[in-house]
Protein backbone atom coordinates (compact mmCIF):
# COMPACT_ATOMS: atom_id res chain seq x y z
CA MET A 1 -100.93 82.38 -23.11
CA SER A 2 -102.04 79.00 -22.23
CA ALA A 3 -100.82 75.45 -23.91
CA ALA A 4 -102.84 74.04 -27.18
CA ALA A 5 -104.96 70.99 -26.62
CA SER A 6 -103.00 68.01 -28.69
CA THR A 7 -105.02 68.58 -31.88
CA GLY A 8 -103.60 64.47 -32.94
CA TYR A 9 -101.09 61.81 -32.67
CA VAL A 10 -97.95 62.62 -35.61
CA VAL A 11 -95.58 60.43 -37.29
CA VAL A 12 -92.73 60.84 -38.87
CA VAL A 13 -91.01 58.28 -40.84
CA GLU A 14 -87.38 58.80 -42.80
CA PHE A 15 -86.71 55.35 -45.03
CA ILE A 16 -83.43 54.35 -47.13
CA VAL A 17 -84.79 51.70 -49.51
CA ARG A 18 -82.30 49.75 -51.15
CA SER A 19 -81.48 51.41 -54.45
CA GLU A 20 -82.73 48.30 -56.94
CA PHE A 21 -86.01 48.88 -54.67
CA ALA A 22 -86.80 51.85 -54.60
CA GLU A 23 -89.40 51.70 -57.14
CA SER A 24 -91.19 49.07 -56.18
CA PHE A 25 -91.15 50.80 -52.58
CA HIS A 26 -92.03 53.53 -54.31
CA ALA A 27 -95.30 51.95 -55.22
CA ALA A 28 -95.86 49.78 -52.14
CA ILE A 29 -95.36 52.99 -50.21
CA ILE A 30 -98.52 55.17 -52.32
CA GLU A 31 -100.93 51.42 -51.80
CA ASN A 32 -100.20 51.32 -48.17
CA ALA A 33 -101.28 54.88 -47.33
CA ALA A 34 -104.17 55.23 -49.66
CA ALA A 35 -105.21 51.70 -48.34
CA SER A 36 -104.63 53.69 -44.38
CA LEU A 37 -107.09 56.93 -45.47
CA ARG A 38 -109.72 54.71 -47.20
CA ASP A 39 -109.86 51.53 -44.07
CA GLU A 40 -108.81 53.59 -41.09
CA GLN A 41 -111.87 56.01 -39.58
CA ASN A 42 -108.84 58.08 -37.27
CA CYS A 43 -106.04 58.44 -39.70
CA GLU A 44 -106.42 61.52 -40.47
CA VAL A 45 -103.24 62.24 -42.91
CA PHE A 46 -100.39 60.60 -44.71
CA ASP A 47 -97.92 62.22 -46.85
CA VAL A 48 -95.88 60.36 -49.12
CA CYS A 49 -92.75 62.38 -49.47
CA ARG A 50 -89.74 61.38 -51.81
CA ASP A 51 -86.27 63.08 -51.94
CA SER A 52 -86.23 64.78 -55.78
CA ASN A 53 -82.07 64.23 -55.70
CA ARG A 54 -82.00 60.81 -53.76
CA ARG A 55 -84.65 58.67 -55.15
CA GLU A 56 -84.74 56.34 -52.38
CA ARG A 57 -84.65 58.10 -49.72
CA PHE A 58 -88.80 58.68 -48.86
CA TYR A 59 -90.76 61.04 -46.13
CA LEU A 60 -93.94 59.89 -44.61
CA TYR A 61 -96.09 62.76 -42.36
CA GLU A 62 -98.77 60.57 -40.91
CA VAL A 63 -101.40 61.67 -38.40
CA TYR A 64 -104.06 60.01 -36.21
CA ALA A 65 -106.61 60.76 -34.19
CA SER A 66 -104.58 59.02 -30.63
CA ASN A 67 -101.75 56.74 -30.27
CA ALA A 68 -104.21 54.20 -30.02
CA ASP A 69 -105.08 54.84 -33.00
CA PHE A 70 -101.35 54.42 -34.82
CA ASP A 71 -101.14 51.58 -32.46
CA PHE A 72 -104.82 50.02 -34.52
CA HIS A 73 -102.78 50.63 -38.19
CA LEU A 74 -99.83 48.62 -36.98
CA LYS A 75 -102.20 45.61 -36.76
CA THR A 76 -104.95 46.62 -40.03
CA PRO A 77 -104.12 44.09 -42.64
CA HIS A 78 -102.84 46.16 -45.11
CA PHE A 79 -100.10 47.55 -42.96
CA LEU A 80 -98.56 44.19 -42.04
CA SER A 81 -98.64 43.09 -45.78
CA PHE A 82 -96.85 46.32 -46.61
CA HIS A 83 -94.36 45.81 -43.87
CA GLU A 84 -94.00 41.88 -45.00
CA THR A 85 -93.32 43.42 -48.94
CA VAL A 86 -90.51 45.84 -47.83
CA ARG A 87 -89.04 44.83 -44.68
CA ASP A 88 -86.21 43.53 -47.23
CA TRP A 89 -85.98 46.28 -49.39
CA VAL A 90 -85.09 48.58 -46.38
CA ALA A 91 -81.81 49.76 -45.77
CA GLU A 92 -82.91 51.90 -43.18
CA LYS A 93 -85.18 53.31 -41.22
CA LYS A 94 -86.14 55.99 -38.62
CA VAL A 95 -89.78 56.33 -36.50
CA GLU A 96 -90.45 60.04 -34.88
CA THR A 97 -93.64 60.78 -33.33
CA PHE A 98 -94.96 64.21 -31.70
CA GLU A 99 -97.90 65.55 -30.28
CA ARG A 100 -100.01 67.62 -32.86
CA VAL A 101 -101.00 70.77 -30.86
CA SER A 102 -101.48 72.84 -33.97
CA SER A 103 -102.64 72.72 -37.37
CA ALA A 104 -104.11 75.03 -40.23
CA LYS A 105 -104.41 75.26 -43.99
CA LYS A 106 -104.28 77.79 -46.01
CA GLY A 107 -107.24 80.21 -46.12
CA GLN A 108 -108.09 78.57 -42.19
CA LEU A 109 -106.89 81.79 -40.54
């Protein structure tokens, strides 16, 4: 069995937001995700998740065609505006990146 070829560049981000800013952050990250999908041709997936038990914890799952496409994302006006808006709201942030080697959706197997 040979190794699978890369099918994307995955960015996983965990945010812990100061509780007083959780609702504002929620609105801002939803807007940023929508702008990323709408305005960036090579942003393929931008999922926003929120912990139902710890409402100040957010988890992002983003897929770009390449690392260069993610670098482009970091320079877009919508990202720079989002970052400027939320930077003082964030208590903790953890970013991890991965090479996507397989992707399947229900009904595609």
